[in-house]
Amino acid sequence: MKQQDEMLEEYDFSNGIRGKYTNQYNDGVNIIKLDEDVKKIFPDSKSVNNALRTLINLIPQKQINSAQLT
């Protein structure tokens, strides 16, 4: 699609508020780009979080505690 075709004349943003959700987005979103091979195994945030929690359980508690202090 050509750039000139992306915005139609009937779109009306005159009452829009720029940056309305910016602070909420910045406070609650962590974006991490996964490589294609990793995305095949972990297609969504739930699967990534589950895998990371499993990995965390394998790390010695002493190491986790010291990482939380920094």
C-alpha atoms as a PDB file:
ATOM      1  CA  MET A   1       0.000   0.000   0.000  1.00  0.00           C
ATOM      2  CA  LYS A   2       1.350   3.398  -0.925  1.00  0.00           C
ATOM      3  CA  GLN A   3       1.821   5.959   1.842  1.00  0.00           C
ATOM      4  CA  GLN A   4      -0.698   8.343   0.270  1.00  0.00           C
ATOM      5  CA  ASP A   5      -3.367   5.593   0.412  1.00  0.00           C
ATOM      6  CA  GLU A   6      -2.943   4.832   4.126  1.00  0.00           C
ATOM      7  CA  MET A   7      -4.908   7.792   5.475  1.00  0.00           C
ATOM      8  CA  LEU A   8      -8.379   8.297   4.087  1.00  0.00           C
ATOM      9  CA  GLU A   9     -10.031  11.712   3.985  1.00  0.00           C
ATOM     10  CA  GLU A  10     -12.883  10.567   6.258  1.00  0.00           C
ATOM     11  CA  TYR A  11     -10.506   9.928   9.176  1.00  0.00           C
ATOM     12  CA  ASP A  12     -11.094  12.698  11.703  1.00  0.00           C
ATOM     13  CA  PHE A  13      -8.530  13.157  14.457  1.00  0.00           C
ATOM     14  CA  SER A  14      -9.550  16.723  15.291  1.00  0.00           C
ATOM     15  CA  ASN A  15     -10.747  15.690  18.781  1.00  0.00           C
ATOM     16  CA  GLY A  16      -7.812  13.382  19.411  1.00  0.00           C
ATOM     17  CA  ILE A  17      -5.409  13.946  22.290  1.00  0.00           C
ATOM     18  CA  ARG A  18      -1.777  13.363  21.423  1.00  0.00           C
ATOM     19  CA  GLY A  19       0.052  11.229  23.969  1.00  0.00           C
ATOM     20  CA  LYS A  20      -3.060  10.477  26.030  1.00  0.00           C
ATOM     21  CA  TYR A  21      -1.777   7.046  27.106  1.00  0.00           C
ATOM     22  CA  THR A  22       1.964   7.688  26.940  1.00  0.00           C
ATOM     23  CA  ASN A  23       2.594   7.627  30.694  1.00  0.00           C
ATOM     24  CA  GLN A  24       0.568   4.452  31.219  1.00  0.00           C
ATOM     25  CA  TYR A  25       2.369   2.821  28.330  1.00  0.00           C
ATOM     26  CA  ASN A  26       5.808   3.801  29.600  1.00  0.00           C
ATOM     27  CA  ASP A  27       5.008   2.652  33.137  1.00  0.00           C
ATOM     28  CA  GLY A  28       3.639  -0.745  32.242  1.00  0.00           C
ATOM     29  CA  VAL A  29       5.211  -1.983  29.040  1.00  0.00           C
ATOM     30  CA  ASN A  30       8.502  -3.719  28.517  1.00  0.00           C
ATOM     31  CA  ILE A  31       9.108  -4.449  24.859  1.00  0.00           C
ATOM     32  CA  ILE A  32      11.704  -7.035  23.975  1.00  0.00           C
ATOM     33  CA  LYS A  33      12.237  -8.187  20.420  1.00  0.00           C
ATOM     34  CA  LEU A  34      12.660 -11.938  20.095  1.00  0.00           C
ATOM     35  CA  ASP A  35      14.614 -13.554  17.290  1.00  0.00           C
ATOM     36  CA  GLU A  36      12.543 -15.573  14.820  1.00  0.00           C
ATOM     37  CA  ASP A  37      13.772 -18.962  16.070  1.00  0.00           C
ATOM     38  CA  VAL A  38      12.854 -18.036  19.649  1.00  0.00           C
ATOM     39  CA  LYS A  39       9.406 -16.759  18.602  1.00  0.00           C
ATOM     40  CA  LYS A  40       8.637 -20.173  17.120  1.00  0.00           C
ATOM     41  CA  ILE A  41       9.023 -21.741  20.555  1.00  0.00           C
ATOM     42  CA  PHE A  42       7.676 -18.834  22.638  1.00  0.00           C
ATOM     43  CA  PRO A  43       4.915 -17.182  20.577  1.00  0.00           C
ATOM     44  CA  ASP A  44       3.411 -15.018  23.327  1.00  0.00           C
ATOM     45  CA  SER A  45       4.246 -13.255  26.577  1.00  0.00           C
ATOM     46  CA  LYS A  46       2.719 -16.024  28.714  1.00  0.00           C
ATOM     47  CA  SER A  47       5.061 -18.662  27.282  1.00  0.00           C
ATOM     48  CA  VAL A  48       8.083 -16.372  27.652  1.00  0.00           C
ATOM     49  CA  ASN A  49       7.195 -15.544  31.264  1.00  0.00           C
ATOM     50  CA  ASN A  50       6.693 -19.227  32.117  1.00  0.00           C
ATOM     51  CA  ALA A  51      10.081 -20.117  30.634  1.00  0.00           C
ATOM     52  CA  LEU A  52      11.803 -17.288  32.503  1.00  0.00           C
ATOM     53  CA  ARG A  53      10.174 -18.281  35.792  1.00  0.00           C
ATOM     54  CA  THR A  54      11.432 -21.825  35.278  1.00  0.00           C
ATOM     55  CA  LEU A  55      14.910 -20.456  34.663  1.00  0.00           C
ATOM     56  CA  ILE A  56      14.691 -18.255  37.759  1.00  0.00           C
ATOM     57  CA  ASN A  57      13.888 -21.340  39.846  1.00  0.00           C
ATOM     58  CA  LEU A  58      17.168 -22.882  38.685  1.00  0.00           C
ATOM     59  CA  ILE A  59      19.264 -19.903  39.849  1.00  0.00           C
ATOM     60  CA  PRO A  60      20.619 -20.162  43.410  1.00  0.00           C
ATOM     61  CA  GLN A  61      18.577 -17.992  45.810  1.00  0.00           C
ATOM     62  CA  LYS A  62      21.740 -16.210  47.011  1.00  0.00           C
ATOM     63  CA  GLN A  63      22.427 -14.990  43.473  1.00  0.00           C
ATOM     64  CA  ILE A  64      18.826 -13.789  43.056  1.00  0.00           C
ATOM     65  CA  ASN A  65      18.958 -11.869  46.345  1.00  0.00           C
ATOM     66  CA  SER A  66      22.179 -10.094  45.397  1.00  0.00           C
ATOM     67  CA  ALA A  67      20.758  -9.163  41.975  1.00  0.00           C
ATOM     68  CA  GLN A  68      17.704  -7.606  43.609  1.00  0.00           C
ATOM     69  CA  LEU A  69      19.888  -5.356  45.759  1.00  0.00           C
ATOM     70  CA  THR A  70      21.526  -3.681  42.770  1.00  0.00           C
END
